Amino acid sequence: MSKPRRPTTDERIQALAQSIELLVSIHTDLEKSTADRFATAAAIFRDAHGSIQGLERIATAHQQRLDDPGQRIERLEDQ
């Protein structure tokens, strides 16, 4: 039986170079994908922040009305 042939140094270097090229490609794709997901998340947070601010304005207006019911009664009586 013959021993399996060992790859030459050049073949091993070529295999390593191909592995590195593949890793670089995967890394680049992952970076783009991650950046896209972060951009999407940032947009969602901006929208949520705007909605929360709107709800805060509504809650503040309602709270002001509840804090001073006498003023509302006076306005109703003046009509």
N, C-alpha and C. Protein backbone atom coordinates (compact mmCIF):
# COMPACT_ATOMS: atom_id res chain seq x y z
N MET A 1 0.84 -1.19 0.00
CA MET A 1 0.00 0.00 0.00
C MET A 1 0.87 1.24 0.00
N SER A 2 0.42 2.21 -0.75
CA SER A 2 1.20 3.44 -0.79
C SER A 2 0.59 4.45 0.18
N LYS A 3 1.46 5.30 0.67
CA LYS A 3 1.00 6.36 1.57
C LYS A 3 0.26 7.42 0.76
N PRO A 4 -0.76 8.07 1.40
CA PRO A 4 -1.44 9.17 0.70
C PRO A 4 -0.44 10.30 0.44
N ARG A 5 -0.61 10.93 -0.69
CA ARG A 5 0.29 12.01 -1.05
C ARG A 5 0.02 13.23 -0.18
N ARG A 6 1.08 13.80 0.35
CA ARG A 6 0.95 15.02 1.15
C ARG A 6 0.93 16.21 0.20
N PRO A 7 0.09 17.21 0.51
CA PRO A 7 0.05 18.39 -0.35
C PRO A 7 1.40 19.11 -0.31
N THR A 8 1.73 19.71 -1.42
CA THR A 8 2.98 20.48 -1.47
C THR A 8 2.77 21.79 -0.73
N THR A 9 3.86 22.47 -0.48
CA THR A 9 3.80 23.76 0.21
C THR A 9 2.96 24.74 -0.60
N ASP A 10 3.16 24.74 -1.91
CA ASP A 10 2.37 25.65 -2.77
C ASP A 10 0.88 25.31 -2.70
N GLU A 11 0.53 24.05 -2.67
CA GLU A 11 -0.88 23.65 -2.57
C GLU A 11 -1.47 24.07 -1.23
N ARG A 12 -0.68 23.94 -0.20
CA ARG A 12 -1.16 24.34 1.13
C ARG A 12 -1.35 25.85 1.20
N ILE A 13 -0.42 26.60 0.60
CA ILE A 13 -0.54 28.06 0.58
C ILE A 13 -1.77 28.45 -0.22
N GLN A 14 -1.99 27.81 -1.36
CA GLN A 14 -3.16 28.08 -2.19
C GLN A 14 -4.45 27.80 -1.42
N ALA A 15 -4.50 26.70 -0.69
CA ALA A 15 -5.69 26.36 0.10
C ALA A 15 -5.93 27.39 1.20
N LEU A 16 -4.85 27.83 1.85
CA LEU A 16 -4.99 28.86 2.88
C LEU A 16 -5.48 30.18 2.28
N ALA A 17 -4.95 30.53 1.11
CA ALA A 17 -5.37 31.77 0.46
C ALA A 17 -6.86 31.71 0.12
N GLN A 18 -7.32 30.58 -0.38
CA GLN A 18 -8.75 30.42 -0.70
C GLN A 18 -9.60 30.51 0.56
N SER A 19 -9.12 29.92 1.64
CA SER A 19 -9.86 29.99 2.91
C SER A 19 -9.97 31.42 3.40
N ILE A 20 -8.88 32.16 3.28
CA ILE A 20 -8.88 33.56 3.71
C ILE A 20 -9.83 34.38 2.84
N GLU A 21 -9.81 34.15 1.53
CA GLU A 21 -10.73 34.87 0.65
C GLU A 21 -12.18 34.58 1.02
N LEU A 22 -12.48 33.35 1.33
CA LEU A 22 -13.83 32.98 1.73
C LEU A 22 -14.20 33.67 3.04
N LEU A 23 -13.29 33.68 4.01
CA LEU A 23 -13.56 34.33 5.29
C LEU A 23 -13.77 35.83 5.11
N VAL A 24 -12.98 36.47 4.26
CA VAL A 24 -13.14 37.90 4.00
C VAL A 24 -14.51 38.17 3.39
N SER A 25 -14.91 37.33 2.45
CA SER A 25 -16.22 37.50 1.81
C SER A 25 -17.35 37.35 2.83
N ILE A 26 -17.26 36.32 3.66
CA ILE A 26 -18.28 36.10 4.70
C ILE A 26 -18.31 37.27 5.67
N HIS A 27 -17.14 37.74 6.07
CA HIS A 27 -17.05 38.86 7.01
C HIS A 27 -17.67 40.13 6.40
N THR A 28 -17.38 40.40 5.14
CA THR A 28 -17.92 41.58 4.47
C THR A 28 -19.44 41.49 4.40
N ASP A 29 -19.97 40.33 4.03
CA ASP A 29 -21.42 40.14 3.97
C ASP A 29 -22.05 40.34 5.35
N LEU A 30 -21.40 39.80 6.37
CA LEU A 30 -21.92 39.93 7.73
C LEU A 30 -21.91 41.38 8.19
N GLU A 31 -20.85 42.11 7.86
CA GLU A 31 -20.78 43.53 8.23
C GLU A 31 -21.93 44.31 7.59
N LYS A 32 -22.19 44.06 6.30
CA LYS A 32 -23.27 44.76 5.61
C LYS A 32 -24.62 44.39 6.21
N SER A 33 -24.81 43.11 6.45
CA SER A 33 -26.07 42.65 7.04
C SER A 33 -26.29 43.29 8.41
N THR A 34 -25.24 43.32 9.21
CA THR A 34 -25.34 43.91 10.55
C THR A 34 -25.63 45.40 10.47
N ALA A 35 -24.96 46.10 9.56
CA ALA A 35 -25.21 47.53 9.40
C ALA A 35 -26.65 47.78 8.97
N ASP A 36 -27.16 46.96 8.06
CA ASP A 36 -28.55 47.10 7.61
C ASP A 36 -29.52 46.87 8.77
N ARG A 37 -29.24 45.86 9.59
CA ARG A 37 -30.13 45.58 10.73
C ARG A 37 -30.10 46.72 11.76
N PHE A 38 -28.90 47.28 11.99
CA PHE A 38 -28.81 48.40 12.93
C PHE A 38 -29.54 49.62 12.39
N ALA A 39 -29.45 49.87 11.09
CA ALA A 39 -30.17 50.99 10.49
C ALA A 39 -31.68 50.80 10.64
N THR A 40 -32.15 49.59 10.42
CA THR A 40 -33.57 49.29 10.58
C THR A 40 -34.00 49.49 12.03
N ALA A 41 -33.19 48.99 12.95
CA ALA A 41 -33.52 49.14 14.38
C ALA A 41 -33.54 50.61 14.77
N ALA A 42 -32.59 51.39 14.26
CA ALA A 42 -32.56 52.82 14.58
C ALA A 42 -33.82 53.52 14.08
N ALA A 43 -34.26 53.16 12.88
CA ALA A 43 -35.49 53.75 12.34
C ALA A 43 -36.70 53.38 13.20
N ILE A 44 -36.75 52.14 13.64
CA ILE A 44 -37.86 51.70 14.50
C ILE A 44 -37.84 52.47 15.82
N PHE A 45 -36.66 52.65 16.40
CA PHE A 45 -36.56 53.40 17.66
C PHE A 45 -36.95 54.86 17.47
N ARG A 46 -36.58 55.46 16.31
CA ARG A 46 -36.99 56.85 16.06
C ARG A 46 -38.50 56.95 15.98
N ASP A 47 -39.13 56.01 15.27
CA ASP A 47 -40.59 56.01 15.17
C ASP A 47 -41.24 55.83 16.54
N ALA A 48 -40.71 54.89 17.31
CA ALA A 48 -41.25 54.64 18.65
C ALA A 48 -41.08 55.88 19.52
N HIS A 49 -39.94 56.53 19.40
CA HIS A 49 -39.69 57.74 20.20
C HIS A 49 -40.71 58.82 19.85
N GLY A 50 -40.98 59.00 18.56
CA GLY A 50 -41.98 59.98 18.14
C GLY A 50 -43.36 59.63 18.67
N SER A 51 -43.71 58.37 18.64
CA SER A 51 -45.01 57.94 19.16
C SER A 51 -45.10 58.18 20.66
N ILE A 52 -44.04 57.88 21.37
CA ILE A 52 -44.03 58.08 22.82
C ILE A 52 -44.16 59.56 23.15
N GLN A 53 -43.47 60.40 22.37
CA GLN A 53 -43.60 61.85 22.61
C GLN A 53 -45.03 62.32 22.38
N GLY A 54 -45.67 61.79 21.34
CA GLY A 54 -47.07 62.14 21.10
C GLY A 54 -47.97 61.71 22.24
N LEU A 55 -47.76 60.49 22.73
CA LEU A 55 -48.54 60.02 23.88
C LEU A 55 -48.27 60.86 25.12
N GLU A 56 -47.03 61.30 25.28
CA GLU A 56 -46.69 62.15 26.43
C GLU A 56 -47.47 63.46 26.37
N ARG A 57 -47.56 64.05 25.17
CA ARG A 57 -48.31 65.31 25.02
C ARG A 57 -49.79 65.10 25.36
N ILE A 58 -50.34 63.99 24.88
CA ILE A 58 -51.74 63.69 25.16
C ILE A 58 -51.94 63.48 26.67
N ALA A 59 -51.07 62.71 27.29
CA ALA A 59 -51.19 62.44 28.74
C ALA A 59 -51.06 63.73 29.54
N THR A 60 -50.15 64.60 29.13
CA THR A 60 -49.96 65.88 29.83
C THR A 60 -51.22 66.73 29.72
N ALA A 61 -51.79 66.78 28.53
CA ALA A 61 -53.03 67.57 28.35
C ALA A 61 -54.15 67.00 29.20
N HIS A 62 -54.30 65.71 29.22
CA HIS A 62 -55.35 65.09 30.04
C HIS A 62 -55.08 65.31 31.53
N GLN A 63 -53.82 65.21 31.92
CA GLN A 63 -53.48 65.41 33.33
C GLN A 63 -53.80 66.84 33.76
N GLN A 64 -53.53 67.80 32.89
CA GLN A 64 -53.82 69.20 33.23
C GLN A 64 -55.33 69.40 33.40
N ARG A 65 -56.10 68.72 32.55
CA ARG A 65 -57.56 68.83 32.69
C ARG A 65 -58.02 68.18 33.99
N LEU A 66 -57.40 67.08 34.37
CA LEU A 66 -57.81 66.39 35.60
C LEU A 66 -57.33 67.12 36.85
N ASP A 67 -56.20 67.80 36.75
CA ASP A 67 -55.66 68.51 37.91
C ASP A 67 -56.50 69.71 38.30
N ASP A 68 -57.21 70.30 37.35
CA ASP A 68 -57.99 71.50 37.66
C ASP A 68 -59.43 71.37 37.15
N PRO A 69 -60.21 70.47 37.78
CA PRO A 69 -61.59 70.30 37.31
C PRO A 69 -62.44 71.54 37.57
N GLY A 70 -62.08 72.35 38.58
CA GLY A 70 -62.84 73.56 38.89
C GLY A 70 -62.83 74.52 37.72
N GLN A 71 -61.69 74.63 37.07
CA GLN A 71 -61.58 75.53 35.92
C GLN A 71 -62.50 75.05 34.78
N ARG A 72 -62.58 73.76 34.60
CA ARG A 72 -63.44 73.22 33.54
C ARG A 72 -64.92 73.48 33.90
N ILE A 73 -65.25 73.30 35.16
CA ILE A 73 -66.64 73.56 35.58
C ILE A 73 -66.98 75.03 35.36
N GLU A 74 -66.05 75.92 35.69
CA GLU A 74 -66.28 77.35 35.49
C GLU A 74 -66.52 77.66 34.02
N ARG A 75 -65.73 77.05 33.14
CA ARG A 75 -65.91 77.29 31.70
C ARG A 75 -67.27 76.79 31.26
N LEU A 76 -67.69 75.64 31.77
CA LEU A 76 -68.99 75.11 31.39
C LEU A 76 -70.13 75.99 31.91
N GLU A 77 -69.95 76.53 33.10
CA GLU A 77 -70.98 77.40 33.69
C GLU A 77 -71.07 78.72 32.95
N ASP A 78 -69.96 79.20 32.40
CA ASP A 78 -69.94 80.47 31.67
C ASP A 78 -70.63 80.38 30.32
N GLN A 79 -70.84 79.19 29.83
CA GLN A 79 -71.46 79.06 28.49
C GLN A 79 -72.92 79.32 28.51
